[in-house]
C-alpha atoms as a PDB file:
ATOM      1  CA  MET A   1       0.267  -0.077   0.113  1.00  0.00           C
ATOM      2  CA  ALA A   2       1.347   3.358  -1.135  1.00  0.00           C
ATOM      3  CA  ALA A   3       2.341   5.924   2.050  1.00  0.00           C
ATOM      4  CA  VAL A   4      -0.521   8.847   2.422  1.00  0.00           C
ATOM      5  CA  THR A   5       1.349  11.861   1.653  1.00  0.00           C
ATOM      6  CA  ARG A   6       0.071  14.908   4.485  1.00  0.00           C
ATOM      7  CA  ILE A   7      -0.342  18.337   2.384  1.00  0.00           C
ATOM      8  CA  LYS A   8       0.439  21.486   4.435  1.00  0.00           C
ATOM      9  CA  THR A   9       1.652  24.808   2.345  1.00  0.00           C
ATOM     10  CA  ILE A  10       2.830  28.296   3.599  1.00  0.00           C
ATOM     11  CA  SER A  11       2.225  30.052   0.270  1.00  0.00           C
ATOM     12  CA  PRO A  12      -0.691  29.835  -1.626  1.00  0.00           C
ATOM     13  CA  VAL A  13      -0.956  26.578  -4.214  1.00  0.00           C
ATOM     14  CA  PRO A  14      -4.090  26.043  -6.697  1.00  0.00           C
ATOM     15  CA  TYR A  15      -6.806  22.885  -6.285  1.00  0.00           C
ATOM     16  CA  THR A  16      -9.150  22.263  -8.838  1.00  0.00           C
ATOM     17  CA  LEU A  17     -12.724  22.169  -7.828  1.00  0.00           C
ATOM     18  CA  ILE A  18     -13.957  19.005  -9.198  1.00  0.00           C
ATOM     19  CA  GLN A  19     -17.787  18.591  -7.702  1.00  0.00           C
ATOM     20  CA  ILE A  20     -20.433  21.284  -6.097  1.00  0.00           C
ATOM     21  CA  GLU A  21     -23.179  20.305  -3.675  1.00  0.00           C
ATOM     22  CA  PRO A  22     -25.805  22.603  -2.578  1.00  0.00           C
ATOM     23  CA  ASP A  23     -26.808  22.187   0.842  1.00  0.00           C
ATOM     24  CA  THR A  24     -29.417  25.023   1.978  1.00  0.00           C
ATOM     25  CA  HIS A  25     -30.731  27.761   0.142  1.00  0.00           C
ATOM     26  CA  ASP A  26     -27.282  29.818  -0.308  1.00  0.00           C
ATOM     27  CA  THR A  27     -24.799  26.980   1.151  1.00  0.00           C
ATOM     28  CA  LYS A  28     -22.802  25.115  -0.834  1.00  0.00           C
ATOM     29  CA  THR A  29     -20.023  22.284  -0.599  1.00  0.00           C
ATOM     30  CA  PHE A  30     -17.263  22.657  -2.863  1.00  0.00           C
ATOM     31  CA  ARG A  31     -14.887  19.712  -3.457  1.00  0.00           C
ATOM     32  CA  PHE A  32     -11.540  20.021  -4.149  1.00  0.00           C
ATOM     33  CA  GLU A  33      -8.886  17.393  -5.767  1.00  0.00           C
ATOM     34  CA  LEU A  34      -5.994  15.977  -4.139  1.00  0.00           C
ATOM     35  CA  PRO A  35      -3.863  13.284  -5.516  1.00  0.00           C
ATOM     36  CA  ALA A  36      -5.117   9.766  -5.038  1.00  0.00           C
ATOM     37  CA  ASN A  37      -2.388   9.061  -2.097  1.00  0.00           C
ATOM     38  CA  ALA A  38      -2.730  12.484  -0.652  1.00  0.00           C
ATOM     39  CA  THR A  39      -4.658  14.269   2.314  1.00  0.00           C
ATOM     40  CA  LEU A  40      -4.699  17.122   4.383  1.00  0.00           C
ATOM     41  CA  ASP A  41      -2.193  17.591   7.322  1.00  0.00           C
ATOM     42  CA  LEU A  42      -4.704  18.798   9.701  1.00  0.00           C
ATOM     43  CA  ALA A  43      -6.202  17.743  12.681  1.00  0.00           C
ATOM     44  CA  PRO A  44     -10.009  17.781  13.028  1.00  0.00           C
ATOM     45  CA  GLY A  45     -10.853  21.706  13.754  1.00  0.00           C
ATOM     46  CA  ASP A  46      -8.075  23.416  11.979  1.00  0.00           C
ATOM     47  CA  PHE A  47      -8.551  25.309   8.790  1.00  0.00           C
ATOM     48  CA  LEU A  48      -6.920  26.863   5.743  1.00  0.00           C
ATOM     49  CA  TYR A  49      -7.057  29.968   4.087  1.00  0.00           C
ATOM     50  CA  VAL A  50      -8.395  31.080   0.364  1.00  0.00           C
ATOM     51  CA  HIS A  51      -6.799  33.470  -1.440  1.00  0.00           C
ATOM     52  CA  THR A  52      -7.728  35.897  -3.773  1.00  0.00           C
ATOM     53  CA  THR A  53      -7.381  39.301  -5.543  1.00  0.00           C
ATOM     54  CA  ILE A  54     -10.783  41.491  -6.064  1.00  0.00           C
ATOM     55  CA  ASN A  55     -10.727  44.889  -7.263  1.00  0.00           C
ATOM     56  CA  GLY A  56      -6.819  44.787  -7.398  1.00  0.00           C
ATOM     57  CA  LYS A  57      -6.411  43.695  -3.644  1.00  0.00           C
ATOM     58  CA  SER A  58      -5.288  40.453  -2.130  1.00  0.00           C
ATOM     59  CA  VAL A  59      -7.998  38.989   0.269  1.00  0.00           C
ATOM     60  CA  LYS A  60      -8.032  35.804   2.503  1.00  0.00           C
ATOM     61  CA  ARG A  61     -10.313  34.238   4.629  1.00  0.00           C
ATOM     62  CA  ALA A  62     -10.313  31.139   6.949  1.00  0.00           C
ATOM     63  CA  TYR A  63     -12.169  28.150   6.164  1.00  0.00           C
ATOM     64  CA  THR A  64     -12.368  25.193   7.933  1.00  0.00           C
ATOM     65  CA  PRO A  65     -13.037  21.957   5.652  1.00  0.00           C
ATOM     66  CA  SER A  66     -15.851  20.237   6.244  1.00  0.00           C
ATOM     67  CA  SER A  67     -14.896  16.559   4.729  1.00  0.00           C
ATOM     68  CA  LEU A  68     -13.201  14.067   7.228  1.00  0.00           C
ATOM     69  CA  PRO A  69     -10.311  14.558   8.576  1.00  0.00           C
ATOM     70  CA  GLY A  70      -7.850  11.925   6.683  1.00  0.00           C
ATOM     71  CA  VAL A  71     -10.198  11.097   4.006  1.00  0.00           C
ATOM     72  CA  THR A  72      -7.647  10.880   0.686  1.00  0.00           C
ATOM     73  CA  GLY A  73      -8.049  12.503  -2.756  1.00  0.00           C
ATOM     74  CA  TYR A  74     -10.034  15.406  -2.127  1.00  0.00           C
ATOM     75  CA  PHE A  75     -10.945  17.909   0.680  1.00  0.00           C
ATOM     76  CA  ASP A  76     -14.757  20.011   1.231  1.00  0.00           C
ATOM     77  CA  LEU A  77     -15.206  23.332   2.215  1.00  0.00           C
ATOM     78  CA  THR A  78     -18.467  24.444   2.951  1.00  0.00           C
ATOM     79  CA  VAL A  79     -19.397  28.024   2.333  1.00  0.00           C
ATOM     80  CA  LYS A  80     -22.692  29.904   3.160  1.00  0.00           C
ATOM     81  CA  ARG A  81     -22.906  33.231   0.371  1.00  0.00           C
ATOM     82  CA  TYR A  82     -23.310  36.294   1.807  1.00  0.00           C
ATOM     83  CA  GLU A  83     -24.113  39.655  -0.018  1.00  0.00           C
ATOM     84  CA  THR A  84     -21.080  41.249   1.879  1.00  0.00           C
ATOM     85  CA  GLY A  85     -18.604  38.567   1.904  1.00  0.00           C
ATOM     86  CA  LEU A  86     -15.983  38.836  -0.763  1.00  0.00           C
ATOM     87  CA  ILE A  87     -14.422  35.072  -0.559  1.00  0.00           C
ATOM     88  CA  SER A  88     -17.870  33.584  -0.085  1.00  0.00           C
ATOM     89  CA  ARG A  89     -19.610  35.423  -3.027  1.00  0.00           C
ATOM     90  CA  TYR A  90     -15.873  34.640  -4.630  1.00  0.00           C
ATOM     91  CA  LEU A  91     -16.088  30.758  -4.431  1.00  0.00           C
ATOM     92  CA  HIS A  92     -19.826  30.551  -5.065  1.00  0.00           C
ATOM     93  CA  ASP A  93     -19.289  31.937  -8.649  1.00  0.00           C
ATOM     94  CA  ARG A  94     -16.524  28.969  -9.143  1.00  0.00           C
ATOM     95  CA  ARG A  95     -17.436  26.000 -11.526  1.00  0.00           C
ATOM     96  CA  ILE A  96     -16.136  22.822 -11.583  1.00  0.00           C
ATOM     97  CA  GLY A  97     -12.379  22.543 -13.498  1.00  0.00           C
ATOM     98  CA  ASP A  98     -11.638  26.371 -11.652  1.00  0.00           C
ATOM     99  CA  THR A  99      -8.846  26.458  -9.692  1.00  0.00           C
ATOM    100  CA  VAL A 100      -8.668  28.288  -5.689  1.00  0.00           C
ATOM    101  CA  LEU A 101      -5.281  29.206  -4.276  1.00  0.00           C
ATOM    102  CA  MET A 102      -5.404  27.939  -0.662  1.00  0.00           C
ATOM    103  CA  SER A 103      -2.457  28.137   2.181  1.00  0.00           C
ATOM    104  CA  GLY A 104      -2.322  25.839   5.413  1.00  0.00           C
ATOM    105  CA  PRO A 105      -3.635  23.949   7.162  1.00  0.00           C
ATOM    106  CA  ASN A 106      -3.168  26.092   9.945  1.00  0.00           C
ATOM    107  CA  THR A 107      -3.642  25.265  13.613  1.00  0.00           C
ATOM    108  CA  GLY A 108      -7.081  26.175  15.095  1.00  0.00           C
ATOM    109  CA  GLY A 109      -8.886  25.269  18.373  1.00  0.00           C
ATOM    110  CA  HIS A 110      -9.025  21.534  17.336  1.00  0.00           C
ATOM    111  CA  TRP A 111      -9.953  17.792  18.896  1.00  0.00           C
ATOM    112  CA  VAL A 112      -7.232  15.819  20.511  1.00  0.00           C
ATOM    113  CA  ASP A 113      -8.562  12.254  20.415  1.00  0.00           C
ATOM    114  CA  GLY A 114      -8.404  11.227  24.126  1.00  0.00           C
ATOM    115  CA  MET A 115      -9.357  15.240  25.503  1.00  0.00           C
ATOM    116  CA  ALA A 116     -12.852  14.700  26.929  1.00  0.00           C
ATOM    117  CA  THR A 117     -15.499  12.059  26.921  1.00  0.00           C
ATOM    118  CA  HIS A 118     -18.047  14.273  27.092  1.00  0.00           C
ATOM    119  CA  VAL A 119     -18.356  17.024  24.290  1.00  0.00           C
ATOM    120  CA  GLY A 120     -20.649  19.909  23.962  1.00  0.00           C
ATOM    121  CA  PHE A 121     -20.579  22.161  20.213  1.00  0.00           C
ATOM    122  CA  VAL A 122     -22.619  25.293  20.144  1.00  0.00           C
ATOM    123  CA  ALA A 123     -22.914  26.483  16.497  1.00  0.00           C
ATOM    124  CA  GLY A 124     -24.440  29.349  14.734  1.00  0.00           C
ATOM    125  CA  GLY A 125     -24.946  29.652  10.990  1.00  0.00           C
ATOM    126  CA  THR A 126     -21.569  28.439   9.286  1.00  0.00           C
ATOM    127  CA  GLY A 127     -19.694  27.750  12.704  1.00  0.00           C
ATOM    128  CA  ILE A 128     -21.017  24.471  11.857  1.00  0.00           C
ATOM    129  CA  THR A 129     -18.008  23.566   9.674  1.00  0.00           C
ATOM    130  CA  PRO A 130     -15.402  22.674  12.265  1.00  0.00           C
ATOM    131  CA  MET A 131     -18.350  20.950  14.412  1.00  0.00           C
ATOM    132  CA  ILE A 132     -18.957  18.542  11.879  1.00  0.00           C
ATOM    133  CA  ALA A 133     -14.908  17.929  11.176  1.00  0.00           C
ATOM    134  CA  ILE A 134     -14.763  16.972  14.693  1.00  0.00           C
ATOM    135  CA  ILE A 135     -18.168  15.224  14.895  1.00  0.00           C
ATOM    136  CA  ARG A 136     -17.543  12.811  11.711  1.00  0.00           C
ATOM    137  CA  TRP A 137     -14.022  12.556  12.993  1.00  0.00           C
ATOM    138  CA  ILE A 138     -15.323  10.928  16.377  1.00  0.00           C
ATOM    139  CA  LEU A 139     -17.888   9.031  15.361  1.00  0.00           C
ATOM    140  CA  SER A 140     -15.932   7.487  12.306  1.00  0.00           C
ATOM    141  CA  GLN A 141     -13.342   6.357  15.014  1.00  0.00           C
ATOM    142  CA  GLN A 142     -15.786   5.122  17.242  1.00  0.00           C
ATOM    143  CA  ILE A 143     -14.318   7.157  19.824  1.00  0.00           C
ATOM    144  CA  LYS A 144     -16.096   6.290  23.262  1.00  0.00           C
ATOM    145  CA  ALA A 145     -17.421  10.430  23.983  1.00  0.00           C
ATOM    146  CA  GLU A 146     -21.024  11.614  24.446  1.00  0.00           C
ATOM    147  CA  LEU A 147     -21.405  14.082  21.847  1.00  0.00           C
ATOM    148  CA  PHE A 148     -24.140  17.390  22.379  1.00  0.00           C
ATOM    149  CA  LEU A 149     -24.644  19.498  20.043  1.00  0.00           C
ATOM    150  CA  ILE A 150     -26.562  23.018  19.964  1.00  0.00           C
ATOM    151  CA  PHE A 151     -27.125  24.276  16.254  1.00  0.00           C
ATOM    152  CA  ALA A 152     -28.548  28.200  15.993  1.00  0.00           C
ATOM    153  CA  ASN A 153     -30.017  29.144  12.994  1.00  0.00           C
ATOM    154  CA  LYS A 154     -32.449  31.765  11.974  1.00  0.00           C
ATOM    155  CA  THR A 155     -34.856  29.234  10.073  1.00  0.00           C
ATOM    156  CA  ASP A 156     -35.038  25.583   9.109  1.00  0.00           C
ATOM    157  CA  LYS A 157     -34.127  26.206   5.544  1.00  0.00           C
ATOM    158  CA  ASP A 158     -31.136  27.494   7.324  1.00  0.00           C
ATOM    159  CA  ILE A 159     -29.932  24.371   9.257  1.00  0.00           C
ATOM    160  CA  ILE A 160     -26.471  23.415   7.351  1.00  0.00           C
ATOM    161  CA  PHE A 161     -26.094  19.095   7.083  1.00  0.00           C
ATOM    162  CA  HIS A 162     -29.596  18.813   8.507  1.00  0.00           C
ATOM    163  CA  ARG A 163     -30.360  15.433   6.708  1.00  0.00           C
ATOM    164  CA  GLU A 164     -27.041  14.278   8.378  1.00  0.00           C
ATOM    165  CA  TRP A 165     -27.970  15.406  12.170  1.00  0.00           C
ATOM    166  CA  ASP A 166     -31.039  13.414  11.621  1.00  0.00           C
ATOM    167  CA  ARG A 167     -29.264  10.544  10.627  1.00  0.00           C
ATOM    168  CA  TYR A 168     -26.906  10.798  13.361  1.00  0.00           C
ATOM    169  CA  ILE A 169     -29.389  10.815  16.105  1.00  0.00           C
ATOM    170  CA  GLN A 170     -30.922   7.502  14.341  1.00  0.00           C
ATOM    171  CA  GLU A 171     -27.697   5.589  14.051  1.00  0.00           C
ATOM    172  CA  PHE A 172     -25.491   6.985  17.433  1.00  0.00           C
ATOM    173  CA  PRO A 173     -26.853   6.936  20.579  1.00  0.00           C
ATOM    174  CA  ASN A 174     -23.905   9.012  21.923  1.00  0.00           C
ATOM    175  CA  PHE A 175     -25.240  11.776  19.532  1.00  0.00           C
ATOM    176  CA  HIS A 176     -27.525  14.262  20.746  1.00  0.00           C
ATOM    177  CA  CYS A 177     -28.355  17.190  18.846  1.00  0.00           C
ATOM    178  CA  TYR A 178     -30.589  20.655  19.868  1.00  0.00           C
ATOM    179  CA  HIS A 179     -31.721  22.870  17.070  1.00  0.00           C
ATOM    180  CA  LEU A 180     -32.698  26.372  17.763  1.00  0.00           C
ATOM    181  CA  LEU A 181     -34.301  29.005  15.558  1.00  0.00           C
ATOM    182  CA  GLU A 182     -35.047  32.711  15.984  1.00  0.00           C
ATOM    183  CA  TYR A 183     -37.807  32.160  13.225  1.00  0.00           C
ATOM    184  CA  PRO A 184     -39.230  28.600  13.426  1.00  0.00           C
ATOM    185  CA  PRO A 185     -41.992  27.119  11.614  1.00  0.00           C
ATOM    186  CA  ALA A 186     -45.364  26.226  12.989  1.00  0.00           C
ATOM    187  CA  GLY A 187     -45.322  22.824  14.892  1.00  0.00           C
ATOM    188  CA  TRP A 188     -41.711  23.523  15.379  1.00  0.00           C
ATOM    189  CA  GLN A 189     -40.531  20.800  18.448  1.00  0.00           C
ATOM    190  CA  GLN A 190     -37.270  22.185  19.371  1.00  0.00           C
ATOM    191  CA  GLY A 191     -35.835  25.341  20.445  1.00  0.00           C
ATOM    192  CA  THR A 192     -36.697  29.026  19.418  1.00  0.00           C
ATOM    193  CA  GLY A 193     -35.293  32.278  19.891  1.00  0.00           C
ATOM    194  CA  ARG A 194     -31.240  32.615  21.037  1.00  0.00           C
ATOM    195  CA  VAL A 195     -28.629  30.621  22.792  1.00  0.00           C
ATOM    196  CA  THR A 196     -29.393  31.699  26.412  1.00  0.00           C
ATOM    197  CA  PRO A 197     -27.959  30.332  29.994  1.00  0.00           C
ATOM    198  CA  ASP A 198     -31.157  27.767  30.041  1.00  0.00           C
ATOM    199  CA  VAL A 199     -30.213  26.410  26.627  1.00  0.00           C
ATOM    200  CA  LEU A 200     -26.377  25.641  27.508  1.00  0.00           C
ATOM    201  CA  ARG A 201     -27.506  24.414  30.977  1.00  0.00           C
ATOM    202  CA  GLN A 202     -30.100  21.981  29.579  1.00  0.00           C
ATOM    203  CA  HIS A 203     -28.050  20.908  26.506  1.00  0.00           C
ATOM    204  CA  LEU A 204     -24.759  20.673  27.171  1.00  0.00           C
ATOM    205  CA  PRO A 205     -22.692  17.939  29.589  1.00  0.00           C
ATOM    206  CA  ALA A 206     -22.110  19.460  32.989  1.00  0.00           C
ATOM    207  CA  PRO A 207     -18.470  21.213  33.546  1.00  0.00           C
ATOM    208  CA  GLY A 208     -15.659  18.448  34.514  1.00  0.00           C
ATOM    209  CA  PRO A 209     -12.813  17.844  33.885  1.00  0.00           C
ATOM    210  CA  GLU A 210     -13.703  15.224  31.352  1.00  0.00           C
ATOM    211  CA  THR A 211     -15.727  17.781  29.440  1.00  0.00           C
ATOM    212  CA  ARG A 212     -14.731  20.209  26.422  1.00  0.00           C
ATOM    213  CA  ILE A 213     -17.095  22.638  24.961  1.00  0.00           C
ATOM    214  CA  PHE A 214     -16.257  23.865  21.060  1.00  0.00           C
ATOM    215  CA  LEU A 215     -18.064  27.197  20.037  1.00  0.00           C
ATOM    216  CA  CYS A 216     -17.855  28.751  16.788  1.00  0.00           C
ATOM    217  CA  GLY A 217     -20.280  31.236  14.937  1.00  0.00           C
ATOM    218  CA  PRO A 218     -20.679  34.974  14.358  1.00  0.00           C
ATOM    219  CA  PRO A 219     -18.333  37.128  16.842  1.00  0.00           C
ATOM    220  CA  PRO A 220     -21.120  38.814  18.519  1.00  0.00           C
ATOM    221  CA  MET A 221     -22.549  35.323  19.693  1.00  0.00           C
ATOM    222  CA  VAL A 222     -19.352  33.874  20.299  1.00  0.00           C
ATOM    223  CA  ASP A 223     -18.769  36.690  23.016  1.00  0.00           C
ATOM    224  CA  ALA A 224     -22.031  36.038  24.305  1.00  0.00           C
ATOM    225  CA  VAL A 225     -21.895  32.608  24.758  1.00  0.00           C
ATOM    226  CA  GLU A 226     -18.215  32.142  25.867  1.00  0.00           C
ATOM    227  CA  THR A 227     -19.443  34.591  28.767  1.00  0.00           C
ATOM    228  CA  MET A 228     -22.461  32.662  29.457  1.00  0.00           C
ATOM    229  CA  LEU A 229     -20.567  29.569  29.752  1.00  0.00           C
ATOM    230  CA  ARG A 230     -17.554  30.988  32.129  1.00  0.00           C
ATOM    231  CA  ASP A 231     -20.667  32.205  34.317  1.00  0.00           C
ATOM    232  CA  LEU A 232     -22.134  28.734  34.597  1.00  0.00           C
ATOM    233  CA  GLY A 233     -18.779  27.188  35.614  1.00  0.00           C
ATOM    234  CA  TYR A 234     -16.889  26.359  32.557  1.00  0.00           C
ATOM    235  CA  PRO A 235     -13.208  26.755  33.147  1.00  0.00           C
ATOM    236  CA  GLN A 236     -11.407  29.126  30.380  1.00  0.00           C
ATOM    237  CA  ASP A 237      -9.002  26.372  29.399  1.00  0.00           C
ATOM    238  CA  THR A 238     -11.987  23.828  28.362  1.00  0.00           C
ATOM    239  CA  ILE A 239     -13.798  26.265  26.020  1.00  0.00           C
ATOM    240  CA  ILE A 240     -12.422  25.848  22.624  1.00  0.00           C
ATOM    241  CA  LEU A 241     -12.679  28.271  19.468  1.00  0.00           C
ATOM    242  CA  PRO A 242     -11.890  26.445  16.248  1.00  0.00           C
END
């Protein structure tokens, strides 16, 4: 069996786009080609920089691959299109066969096997992308850990990877998922509004030496939830920001 090459670059290099899959009305997963025996050299939760030039200015943004860490031959970026997002609009305008410049992976707040047996995830919108990589890894490796996801969105149509979360609830007794919507549809059975201390208390594992909480989303949400977590007794070093 050929040895697997692990790819990490400091300077931007081109990757060819080979597949585009819609996920929600404004979110797509972009698959980029790697050599058949190559994978990105990253831990679950690490990130790449996407580089381009827009109106004569060099621009870069960080994106966490959503594909399972260690997969060979390709990697995925799941990106929501924002009208004010220079790189998100740039990526959504790409077509199969185009190349995109990227550098990294770079070390973010990531999962390390054995770091916890109770793992909470609080995500808002596209803050879910590092969470999906970590959750996919833990479940695929059959790591003994209870996983608790709180996923906040505006509407049910904004829930990225919705079918995958539903499948995991059915297939994995150690995976727990609580959706929180600002504008729920009629008959909605889960949470409404925004993340509150009560939501965190009810749907995350309690603070303790075997607990870690991953937090990612819009900066105002992250700041607010991080303060709530500390007030609820989670030590700062157990709150991880990918």
